[in-house]
Amino acid sequence: MRLDKFLKVSRLIKRRTVAKDVSDQGRIWVNGREAKASTTIKVGDELMIQFGQKRVTVRVDRIVETTRKDEAAEMYTVLREESNASD
Protein backbone atom coordinates (compact mmCIF):
# COMPACT_ATOMS: atom_id res chain seq x y z
CA MET A 1 0.00 0.00 0.00
CA ARG A 2 1.21 3.52 -0.74
CA LEU A 3 2.49 5.56 2.18
CA ASP A 4 0.00 8.40 1.71
CA LYS A 5 -2.94 5.99 1.60
CA PHE A 6 -1.74 4.11 4.70
CA LEU A 7 -1.46 7.36 6.66
CA LYS A 8 -5.01 8.32 5.69
CA VAL A 9 -6.62 4.90 6.28
CA SER A 10 -4.85 4.50 9.64
CA ARG A 11 -5.87 8.07 10.50
CA LEU A 12 -2.34 9.07 11.48
CA ILE A 13 -2.94 11.98 9.08
CA LYS A 14 -6.50 13.08 8.35
CA ARG A 15 -6.32 13.63 4.58
CA ARG A 16 -4.37 11.90 1.84
CA THR A 17 -3.39 15.20 0.23
CA VAL A 18 -1.95 16.37 3.55
CA ALA A 19 -0.06 13.06 3.86
CA LYS A 20 1.37 13.64 0.38
CA ASP A 21 2.41 17.20 1.24
CA VAL A 22 4.08 16.10 4.50
CA SER A 23 6.07 13.39 2.73
CA ASP A 24 7.03 15.78 -0.09
CA GLN A 25 8.44 18.12 2.60
CA GLY A 26 10.75 15.32 3.80
CA ARG A 27 9.04 14.88 7.18
CA ILE A 28 8.40 11.12 6.95
CA TRP A 29 10.97 8.31 7.12
CA VAL A 30 10.36 4.61 6.48
CA ASN A 31 12.89 2.27 8.09
CA GLY A 32 15.32 5.18 8.52
CA ARG A 33 15.10 6.43 4.93
CA GLU A 34 13.28 9.54 3.76
CA ALA A 35 10.06 8.48 2.05
CA LYS A 36 7.90 9.83 -0.74
CA ALA A 37 4.10 9.53 -0.88
CA SER A 38 4.41 6.66 -3.36
CA THR A 39 6.68 4.55 -1.11
CA THR A 40 5.28 1.04 -0.64
CA ILE A 41 4.49 0.18 2.98
CA LYS A 42 4.64 -3.40 4.32
CA VAL A 43 3.77 -4.98 7.66
CA GLY A 44 6.72 -4.55 10.03
CA ASP A 45 7.92 -1.24 8.55
CA GLU A 46 8.82 1.56 10.97
CA LEU A 47 7.50 5.03 10.14
CA MET A 48 8.85 8.18 11.74
CA ILE A 49 6.63 11.23 11.21
CA GLN A 50 7.52 14.82 12.12
CA PHE A 51 4.41 16.72 13.31
CA GLY A 52 5.57 20.27 14.02
CA GLN A 53 7.35 20.03 17.39
CA LYS A 54 6.53 16.33 17.86
CA ARG A 55 8.12 13.24 16.30
CA VAL A 56 6.14 9.99 16.35
CA THR A 57 7.57 6.56 15.48
CA VAL A 58 5.11 3.74 14.70
CA ARG A 59 5.38 0.13 13.50
CA VAL A 60 2.95 -1.07 10.81
CA ASP A 61 0.98 -4.04 12.19
CA ARG A 62 -1.80 -4.45 9.61
CA ILE A 63 -2.58 -3.21 6.14
CA VAL A 64 -6.22 -2.99 5.09
CA GLU A 65 -7.80 -0.98 2.28
CA THR A 66 -10.53 0.53 4.47
CA THR A 67 -11.27 0.51 8.17
CA ARG A 68 -13.66 1.99 10.68
CA LYS A 69 -12.50 4.83 12.89
CA ASP A 70 -12.45 2.70 16.06
CA GLU A 71 -10.33 0.01 14.33
CA ALA A 72 -7.81 2.35 12.67
CA ALA A 73 -5.44 2.37 15.67
CA GLU A 74 -5.05 -1.42 15.31
CA MET A 75 -3.12 -0.86 12.07
CA TYR A 76 -0.04 0.40 13.93
CA THR A 77 1.77 0.42 17.27
CA VAL A 78 3.28 3.63 18.62
CA LEU A 79 6.91 2.91 19.51
CA ARG A 80 8.05 6.43 20.52
CA GLU A 81 6.73 9.96 20.87
CA GLU A 82 9.35 12.66 21.23
CA SER A 83 8.97 16.37 21.71
CA ASN A 84 11.41 18.59 19.82
CA ALA A 85 10.59 21.65 21.91
CA SER A 86 13.72 23.06 23.51
CA ASP A 87 12.86 23.97 27.10
PDB file of N, CA and C in Angstrom:
ATOM      1  N   MET A   1       0.839  -1.165   0.000  1.00  0.00           N
ATOM      2  CA  MET A   1       0.000   0.000   0.000  1.00  0.00           C
ATOM      3  C   MET A   1       0.894   1.241   0.000  1.00  0.00           C
ATOM      4  N   ARG A   2       0.469   2.260  -0.694  1.00  0.00           N
ATOM      5  CA  ARG A   2       1.213   3.523  -0.739  1.00  0.00           C
ATOM      6  C   ARG A   2       1.246   4.188   0.631  1.00  0.00           C
ATOM      7  N   LEU A   3       2.326   4.875   0.903  1.00  0.00           N
ATOM      8  CA  LEU A   3       2.491   5.556   2.184  1.00  0.00           C
ATOM      9  C   LEU A   3       1.363   6.545   2.453  1.00  0.00           C
ATOM     10  N   ASP A   4       1.037   7.393   1.479  1.00  0.00           N
ATOM     11  CA  ASP A   4       0.002   8.404   1.714  1.00  0.00           C
ATOM     12  C   ASP A   4      -1.354   7.771   2.008  1.00  0.00           C
ATOM     13  N   LYS A   5      -1.669   6.666   1.339  1.00  0.00           N
ATOM     14  CA  LYS A   5      -2.938   5.987   1.598  1.00  0.00           C
ATOM     15  C   LYS A   5      -2.933   5.335   2.982  1.00  0.00           C
ATOM     16  N   PHE A   6      -1.818   4.721   3.372  1.00  0.00           N
ATOM     17  CA  PHE A   6      -1.735   4.111   4.705  1.00  0.00           C
ATOM     18  C   PHE A   6      -1.955   5.161   5.790  1.00  0.00           C
ATOM     19  N   LEU A   7      -1.314   6.315   5.652  1.00  0.00           N
ATOM     20  CA  LEU A   7      -1.455   7.363   6.662  1.00  0.00           C
ATOM     21  C   LEU A   7      -2.894   7.829   6.782  1.00  0.00           C
ATOM     22  N   LYS A   8      -3.605   7.895   5.663  1.00  0.00           N
ATOM     23  CA  LYS A   8      -5.006   8.318   5.690  1.00  0.00           C
ATOM     24  C   LYS A   8      -5.897   7.231   6.284  1.00  0.00           C
ATOM     25  N   VAL A   9      -5.759   5.984   5.805  1.00  0.00           N
ATOM     26  CA  VAL A   9      -6.618   4.896   6.278  1.00  0.00           C
ATOM     27  C   VAL A   9      -6.404   4.644   7.772  1.00  0.00           C
ATOM     28  N   SER A  10      -5.151   4.735   8.222  1.00  0.00           N
ATOM     29  CA  SER A  10      -4.850   4.498   9.641  1.00  0.00           C
ATOM     30  C   SER A  10      -5.188   5.717  10.500  1.00  0.00           C
ATOM     31  N   ARG A  11      -5.519   6.820   9.847  1.00  0.00           N
ATOM     32  CA  ARG A  11      -5.875   8.075  10.500  1.00  0.00           C
ATOM     33  C   ARG A  11      -4.721   8.693  11.293  1.00  0.00           C
ATOM     34  N   LEU A  12      -3.490   8.359  10.916  1.00  0.00           N
ATOM     35  CA  LEU A  12      -2.340   9.070  11.481  1.00  0.00           C
ATOM     36  C   LEU A  12      -2.336  10.505  10.956  1.00  0.00           C
ATOM     37  N   ILE A  13      -2.757  10.660   9.697  1.00  0.00           N
ATOM     38  CA  ILE A  13      -2.944  11.979   9.084  1.00  0.00           C
ATOM     39  C   ILE A  13      -4.337  11.970   8.469  1.00  0.00           C
ATOM     40  N   LYS A  14      -5.075  13.050   8.672  1.00  0.00           N
ATOM     41  CA  LYS A  14      -6.498  13.076   8.345  1.00  0.00           C
ATOM     42  C   LYS A  14      -6.822  12.957   6.857  1.00  0.00           C
ATOM     43  N   ARG A  15      -6.030  13.622   6.020  1.00  0.00           N
ATOM     44  CA  ARG A  15      -6.325  13.628   4.581  1.00  0.00           C
ATOM     45  C   ARG A  15      -5.133  13.126   3.781  1.00  0.00           C
ATOM     46  N   ARG A  16      -5.434  12.452   2.679  1.00  0.00           N
ATOM     47  CA  ARG A  16      -4.375  11.895   1.836  1.00  0.00           C
ATOM     48  C   ARG A  16      -3.535  12.995   1.202  1.00  0.00           C
ATOM     49  N   THR A  17      -4.165  14.107   0.824  1.00  0.00           N
ATOM     50  CA  THR A  17      -3.393  15.200   0.225  1.00  0.00           C
ATOM     51  C   THR A  17      -2.423  15.800   1.240  1.00  0.00           C
ATOM     52  N   VAL A  18      -2.843  15.864   2.502  1.00  0.00           N
ATOM     53  CA  VAL A  18      -1.951  16.367   3.552  1.00  0.00           C
ATOM     54  C   VAL A  18      -0.799  15.385   3.753  1.00  0.00           C
ATOM     55  N   ALA A  19      -1.102  14.086   3.727  1.00  0.00           N
ATOM     56  CA  ALA A  19      -0.055  13.064   3.862  1.00  0.00           C
ATOM     57  C   ALA A  19       0.959  13.194   2.731  1.00  0.00           C
ATOM     58  N   LYS A  20       0.475  13.464   1.522  1.00  0.00           N
ATOM     59  CA  LYS A  20       1.374  13.642   0.379  1.00  0.00           C
ATOM     60  C   LYS A  20       2.249  14.880   0.580  1.00  0.00           C
ATOM     61  N   ASP A  21       1.651  15.969   1.017  1.00  0.00           N
ATOM     62  CA  ASP A  21       2.412  17.204   1.242  1.00  0.00           C
ATOM     63  C   ASP A  21       3.483  17.009   2.310  1.00  0.00           C
ATOM     64  N   VAL A  22       3.134  16.337   3.402  1.00  0.00           N
ATOM     65  CA  VAL A  22       4.080  16.102   4.500  1.00  0.00           C
ATOM     66  C   VAL A  22       5.259  15.264   4.008  1.00  0.00           C
ATOM     67  N   SER A  23       4.981  14.228   3.228  1.00  0.00           N
ATOM     68  CA  SER A  23       6.074  13.395   2.727  1.00  0.00           C
ATOM     69  C   SER A  23       6.921  14.146   1.694  1.00  0.00           C
ATOM     70  N   ASP A  24       6.283  14.989   0.882  1.00  0.00           N
ATOM     71  CA  ASP A  24       7.032  15.785  -0.087  1.00  0.00           C
ATOM     72  C   ASP A  24       7.958  16.797   0.604  1.00  0.00           C
ATOM     73  N   GLN A  25       7.619  17.188   1.820  1.00  0.00           N
ATOM     74  CA  GLN A  25       8.445  18.120   2.598  1.00  0.00           C
ATOM     75  C   GLN A  25       9.583  17.407   3.319  1.00  0.00           C
ATOM     76  N   GLY A  26       9.664  16.075   3.179  1.00  0.00           N
ATOM     77  CA  GLY A  26      10.748  15.320   3.803  1.00  0.00           C
ATOM     78  C   GLY A  26      10.563  15.114   5.292  1.00  0.00           C
ATOM     79  N   ARG A  27       9.309  15.035   5.748  1.00  0.00           N
ATOM     80  CA  ARG A  27       9.038  14.885   7.181  1.00  0.00           C
ATOM     81  C   ARG A  27       8.609  13.475   7.563  1.00  0.00           C
ATOM     82  N   ILE A  28       8.747  12.511   6.649  1.00  0.00           N
ATOM     83  CA  ILE A  28       8.397  11.116   6.947  1.00  0.00           C
ATOM     84  C   ILE A  28       9.558  10.221   6.516  1.00  0.00           C
ATOM     85  N   TRP A  29       9.928   9.290   7.405  1.00  0.00           N
ATOM     86  CA  TRP A  29      10.972   8.313   7.119  1.00  0.00           C
ATOM     87  C   TRP A  29      10.404   6.916   7.289  1.00  0.00           C
ATOM     88  N   VAL A  30      10.754   6.023   6.392  1.00  0.00           N
ATOM     89  CA  VAL A  30      10.356   4.615   6.483  1.00  0.00           C
ATOM     90  C   VAL A  30      11.629   3.806   6.665  1.00  0.00           C
ATOM     91  N   ASN A  31      11.714   3.083   7.767  1.00  0.00           N
ATOM     92  CA  ASN A  31      12.892   2.272   8.093  1.00  0.00           C
ATOM     93  C   ASN A  31      14.186   3.085   7.996  1.00  0.00           C
ATOM     94  N   GLY A  32      14.130   4.339   8.480  1.00  0.00           N
ATOM     95  CA  GLY A  32      15.318   5.177   8.520  1.00  0.00           C
ATOM     96  C   GLY A  32      15.646   5.921   7.246  1.00  0.00           C
ATOM     97  N   ARG A  33      14.840   5.751   6.199  1.00  0.00           N
ATOM     98  CA  ARG A  33      15.095   6.431   4.928  1.00  0.00           C
ATOM     99  C   ARG A  33      13.954   7.386   4.624  1.00  0.00           C
ATOM    100  N   GLU A  34      14.311   8.564   4.113  1.00  0.00           N
ATOM    101  CA  GLU A  34      13.284   9.538   3.759  1.00  0.00           C
ATOM    102  C   GLU A  34      12.340   8.932   2.720  1.00  0.00           C
ATOM    103  N   ALA A  35      11.039   9.150   2.906  1.00  0.00           N
ATOM    104  CA  ALA A  35      10.058   8.482   2.051  1.00  0.00           C
ATOM    105  C   ALA A  35       9.216   9.485   1.269  1.00  0.00           C
ATOM    106  N   LYS A  36       8.827   9.069   0.076  1.00  0.00           N
ATOM    107  CA  LYS A  36       7.897   9.834  -0.744  1.00  0.00           C
ATOM    108  C   LYS A  36       6.500   9.263  -0.552  1.00  0.00           C
ATOM    109  N   ALA A  37       5.490   9.972  -1.022  1.00  0.00           N
ATOM    110  CA  ALA A  37       4.101   9.535  -0.879  1.00  0.00           C
ATOM    111  C   ALA A  37       3.858   8.188  -1.557  1.00  0.00           C
ATOM    112  N   SER A  38       4.620   7.889  -2.596  1.00  0.00           N
ATOM    113  CA  SER A  38       4.406   6.659  -3.362  1.00  0.00           C
ATOM    114  C   SER A  38       5.167   5.456  -2.803  1.00  0.00           C
ATOM    115  N   THR A  39       5.919   5.646  -1.715  1.00  0.00           N
ATOM    116  CA  THR A  39       6.681   4.548  -1.115  1.00  0.00           C
ATOM    117  C   THR A  39       5.734   3.428  -0.692  1.00  0.00           C
ATOM    118  N   THR A  40       6.106   2.186  -1.009  1.00  0.00           N
ATOM    119  CA  THR A  40       5.278   1.038  -0.644  1.00  0.00           C
ATOM    120  C   THR A  40       5.529   0.650   0.808  1.00  0.00           C
ATOM    121  N   ILE A  41       4.436   0.523   1.552  1.00  0.00           N
ATOM    122  CA  ILE A  41       4.492   0.180   2.975  1.00  0.00           C
ATOM    123  C   ILE A  41       4.134  -1.292   3.148  1.00  0.00           C
ATOM    124  N   LYS A  42       4.897  -1.987   4.025  1.00  0.00           N
ATOM    125  CA  LYS A  42       4.635  -3.400   4.318  1.00  0.00           C
ATOM    126  C   LYS A  42       4.494  -3.569   5.826  1.00  0.00           C
ATOM    127  N   VAL A  43       3.880  -4.665   6.244  1.00  0.00           N
ATOM    128  CA  VAL A  43       3.769  -4.984   7.663  1.00  0.00           C
ATOM    129  C   VAL A  43       5.178  -5.112   8.241  1.00  0.00           C
ATOM    130  N   GLY A  44       5.415  -4.503   9.389  1.00  0.00           N
ATOM    131  CA  GLY A  44       6.720  -4.545  10.025  1.00  0.00           C
ATOM    132  C   GLY A  44       7.560  -3.296   9.781  1.00  0.00           C
ATOM    133  N   ASP A  45       7.173  -2.472   8.815  1.00  0.00           N
ATOM    134  CA  ASP A  45       7.917  -1.242   8.550  1.00  0.00           C
ATOM    135  C   ASP A  45       7.782  -0.277   9.725  1.00  0.00           C
ATOM    136  N   GLU A  46       8.840   0.517   9.946  1.00  0.00           N
ATOM    137  CA  GLU A  46       8.818   1.561  10.967  1.00  0.00           C
ATOM    138  C   GLU A  46       8.706   2.907  10.288  1.00  0.00           C
ATOM    139  N   LEU A  47       7.699   3.692  10.689  1.00  0.00           N
ATOM    140  CA  LEU A  47       7.499   5.026  10.136  1.00  0.00           C
ATOM    141  C   LEU A  47       7.820   6.051  11.203  1.00  0.00           C
ATOM    142  N   MET A  48       8.595   7.065  10.840  1.00  0.00           N
ATOM    143  CA  MET A  48       8.847   8.184  11.741  1.00  0.00           C
ATOM    144  C   MET A  48       8.267   9.420  11.075  1.00  0.00           C
ATOM    145  N   ILE A  49       7.349  10.088  11.777  1.00  0.00           N
ATOM    146  CA  ILE A  49       6.631  11.228  11.213  1.00  0.00           C
ATOM    147  C   ILE A  49       6.895  12.450  12.071  1.00  0.00           C
ATOM    148  N   GLN A  50       7.274  13.549  11.432  1.00  0.00           N
ATOM    149  CA  GLN A  50       7.519  14.817  12.124  1.00  0.00           C
ATOM    150  C   GLN A  50       6.255  15.664  12.045  1.00  0.00           C
ATOM    151  N   PHE A  51       5.596  15.854  13.210  1.00  0.00           N
ATOM    152  CA  PHE A  51       4.408  16.717  13.314  1.00  0.00           C
ATOM    153  C   PHE A  51       4.820  17.985  14.041  1.00  0.00           C
ATOM    154  N   GLY A  52       5.184  19.028  13.354  1.00  0.00           N
ATOM    155  CA  GLY A  52       5.570  20.270  14.022  1.00  0.00           C
ATOM    156  C   GLY A  52       6.677  20.028  15.036  1.00  0.00           C
ATOM    157  N   GLN A  53       6.365  20.197  16.321  1.00  0.00           N
ATOM    158  CA  GLN A  53       7.349  20.025  17.394  1.00  0.00           C
ATOM    159  C   GLN A  53       7.378  18.604  17.938  1.00  0.00           C
ATOM    160  N   LYS A  54       6.615  17.692  17.351  1.00  0.00           N
ATOM    161  CA  LYS A  54       6.531  16.327  17.863  1.00  0.00           C
ATOM    162  C   LYS A  54       6.964  15.331  16.791  1.00  0.00           C
ATOM    163  N   ARG A  55       7.695  14.306  17.205  1.00  0.00           N
ATOM    164  CA  ARG A  55       8.122  13.241  16.302  1.00  0.00           C
ATOM    165  C   ARG A  55       7.536  11.935  16.827  1.00  0.00           C
ATOM    166  N   VAL A  56       6.791  11.233  15.962  1.00  0.00           N
ATOM    167  CA  VAL A  56       6.140   9.987  16.349  1.00  0.00           C
ATOM    168  C   VAL A  56       6.720   8.848  15.512  1.00  0.00           C
ATOM    169  N   THR A  57       7.079   7.745  16.167  1.00  0.00           N
ATOM    170  CA  THR A  57       7.568   6.556  15.483  1.00  0.00           C
ATOM    171  C   THR A  57       6.560   5.437  15.709  1.00  0.00           C
ATOM    172  N   VAL A  58       6.084   4.835  14.615  1.00  0.00           N
ATOM    173  CA  VAL A  58       5.106   3.745  14.699  1.00  0.00           C
ATOM    174  C   VAL A  58       5.590   2.549  13.891  1.00  0.00           C
ATOM    175  N   ARG A  59       5.115   1.352  14.260  1.00  0.00           N
ATOM    176  CA  ARG A  59       5.378   0.130  13.500  1.00  0.00           C
ATOM    177  C   ARG A  59       4.077  -0.289  12.846  1.00  0.00           C
ATOM    178  N   VAL A  60       4.134  -0.632  11.562  1.00  0.00           N
ATOM    179  CA  VAL A  60       2.954  -1.073  10.811  1.00  0.00           C
ATOM    180  C   VAL A  60       2.625  -2.506  11.230  1.00  0.00           C
ATOM    181  N   ASP A  61       1.410  -2.714  11.750  1.00  0.00           N
ATOM    182  CA  ASP A  61       0.978  -4.039  12.189  1.00  0.00           C
ATOM    183  C   ASP A  61       0.021  -4.709  11.205  1.00  0.00           C
ATOM    184  N   ARG A  62      -0.811  -3.918  10.561  1.00  0.00           N
ATOM    185  CA  ARG A  62      -1.799  -4.447   9.611  1.00  0.00           C
ATOM    186  C   ARG A  62      -1.934  -3.486   8.452  1.00  0.00           C
ATOM    187  N   ILE A  63      -2.269  -4.038   7.298  1.00  0.00           N
ATOM    188  CA  ILE A  63      -2.578  -3.207   6.139  1.00  0.00           C
ATOM    189  C   ILE A  63      -3.934  -3.647   5.612  1.00  0.00           C
ATOM    190  N   VAL A  64      -4.884  -2.730   5.639  1.00  0.00           N
ATOM    191  CA  VAL A  64      -6.220  -2.986   5.092  1.00  0.00           C
ATOM    192  C   VAL A  64      -6.602  -1.786   4.229  1.00  0.00           C
ATOM    193  N   GLU A  65      -7.420  -2.040   3.214  1.00  0.00           N
ATOM    194  CA  GLU A  65      -7.801  -0.977   2.279  1.00  0.00           C
ATOM    195  C   GLU A  65      -8.717   0.064   2.920  1.00  0.00           C
ATOM    196  N   THR A  66      -9.625  -0.385   3.768  1.00  0.00           N
ATOM    197  CA  THR A  66     -10.525   0.529   4.474  1.00  0.00           C
ATOM    198  C   THR A  66     -10.713   0.003   5.888  1.00  0.00           C
ATOM    199  N   THR A  67     -11.044   0.911   6.784  1.00  0.00           N
ATOM    200  CA  THR A  67     -11.269   0.513   8.167  1.00  0.00           C
ATOM    201  C   THR A  67     -12.180   1.526   8.846  1.00  0.00           C
ATOM    202  N   ARG A  68     -12.837   1.078   9.907  1.00  0.00           N
ATOM    203  CA  ARG A  68     -13.664   1.990  10.684  1.00  0.00           C
ATOM    204  C   ARG A  68     -12.775   2.787  11.625  1.00  0.00           C
ATOM    205  N   LYS A  69     -13.280   3.936  12.040  1.00  0.00           N
ATOM    206  CA  LYS A  69     -12.496   4.832  12.889  1.00  0.00           C
ATOM    207  C   LYS A  69     -11.993   4.129  14.153  1.00  0.00           C
ATOM    208  N   ASP A  70     -12.843   3.340  14.800  1.00  0.00           N
ATOM    209  CA  ASP A  70     -12.448   2.697  16.058  1.00  0.00           C
ATOM    210  C   ASP A  70     -11.459   1.551  15.847  1.00  0.00           C
ATOM    211  N   GLU A  71     -11.280   1.086  14.618  1.00  0.00           N
ATOM    212  CA  GLU A  71     -10.329   0.006  14.330  1.00  0.00           C
ATOM    213  C   GLU A  71      -9.027   0.516  13.705  1.00  0.00           C
ATOM    214  N   ALA A  72      -8.976   1.798  13.363  1.00  0.00           N
ATOM    215  CA  ALA A  72      -7.810   2.352  12.666  1.00  0.00           C
ATOM    216  C   ALA A  72      -6.532   2.234  13.494  1.00  0.00           C
ATOM    217  N   ALA A  73      -6.627   2.416  14.808  1.00  0.00           N
ATOM    218  CA  ALA A  73      -5.441   2.369  15.667  1.00  0.00           C
ATOM    219  C   ALA A  73      -4.831   0.975  15.739  1.00  0.00           C
ATOM    220  N   GLU A  74      -5.572  -0.056  15.321  1.00  0.00           N
ATOM    221  CA  GLU A  74      -5.048  -1.424  15.310  1.00  0.00           C
ATOM    222  C   GLU A  74      -4.092  -1.665  14.145  1.00  0.00           C
ATOM    223  N   MET A  75      -3.997  -0.706  13.223  1.00  0.00           N
ATOM    224  CA  MET A  75      -3.123  -0.856  12.066  1.00  0.00           C
ATOM    225  C   MET A  75      -1.665  -0.584  12.409  1.00  0.00           C
ATOM    226  N   TYR A  76      -1.407   0.033  13.565  1.00  0.00           N
ATOM    227  CA  TYR A  76      -0.039   0.398  13.927  1.00  0.00           C
ATOM    228  C   TYR A  76       0.135   0.379  15.440  1.00  0.00           C
ATOM    229  N   THR A  77       1.402   0.323  15.860  1.00  0.00           N
ATOM    230  CA  THR A  77       1.773   0.418  17.271  1.00  0.00           C
ATOM    231  C   THR A  77       2.712   1.602  17.433  1.00  0.00           C
ATOM    232  N   VAL A  78       2.400   2.483  18.362  1.00  0.00           N
ATOM    233  CA  VAL A  78       3.278   3.629  18.625  1.00  0.00           C
ATOM    234  C   VAL A  78       4.492   3.136  19.403  1.00  0.00           C
ATOM    235  N   LEU A  79       5.669   3.329  18.856  1.00  0.00           N
ATOM    236  CA  LEU A  79       6.909   2.915  19.511  1.00  0.00           C
ATOM    237  C   LEU A  79       7.505   4.039  20.354  1.00  0.00           C
ATOM    238  N   ARG A  80       7.491   5.269  19.814  1.00  0.00           N
ATOM    239  CA  ARG A  80       8.055   6.425  20.523  1.00  0.00           C
ATOM    240  C   ARG A  80       7.287   7.687  20.152  1.00  0.00           C
ATOM    241  N   GLU A  81       7.208   8.600  21.109  1.00  0.00           N
ATOM    242  CA  GLU A  81       6.726   9.958  20.869  1.00  0.00           C
ATOM    243  C   GLU A  81       7.729  10.882  21.528  1.00  0.00           C
ATOM    244  N   GLU A  82       8.321  11.759  20.726  1.00  0.00           N
ATOM    245  CA  GLU A  82       9.352  12.656  21.231  1.00  0.00           C
ATOM    246  C   GLU A  82       8.964  14.094  20.941  1.00  0.00           C
ATOM    247  N   SER A  83       9.219  14.950  21.894  1.00  0.00           N
ATOM    248  CA  SER A  83       8.974  16.370  21.708  1.00  0.00           C
ATOM    249  C   SER A  83      10.278  17.044  21.304  1.00  0.00           C
ATOM    250  N   ASN A  84      10.215  17.890  20.280  1.00  0.00           N
ATOM    251  CA  ASN A  84      11.409  18.595  19.822  1.00  0.00           C
ATOM    252  C   ASN A  84      11.523  19.978  20.436  1.00  0.00           C
ATOM    253  N   ALA A  85      10.574  20.329  21.293  1.00  0.00           N
ATOM    254  CA  ALA A  85      10.590  21.651  21.906  1.00  0.00           C
ATOM    255  C   ALA A  85      11.794  21.783  22.829  1.00  0.00           C
ATOM    256  N   SER A  86      12.540  22.847  22.646  1.00  0.00           N
ATOM    257  CA  SER A  86      13.715  23.062  23.514  1.00  0.00           C
ATOM    258  C   SER A  86      13.283  23.902  24.701  1.00  0.00           C
ATOM    259  N   ASP A  87      13.309  23.288  25.866  1.00  0.00           N
ATOM    260  CA  ASP A  87      12.862  23.965  27.096  1.00  0.00           C
ATOM    261  C   ASP A  87      14.007  24.625  27.796  1.00  0.00           C
TER     262      ASP A  87
END
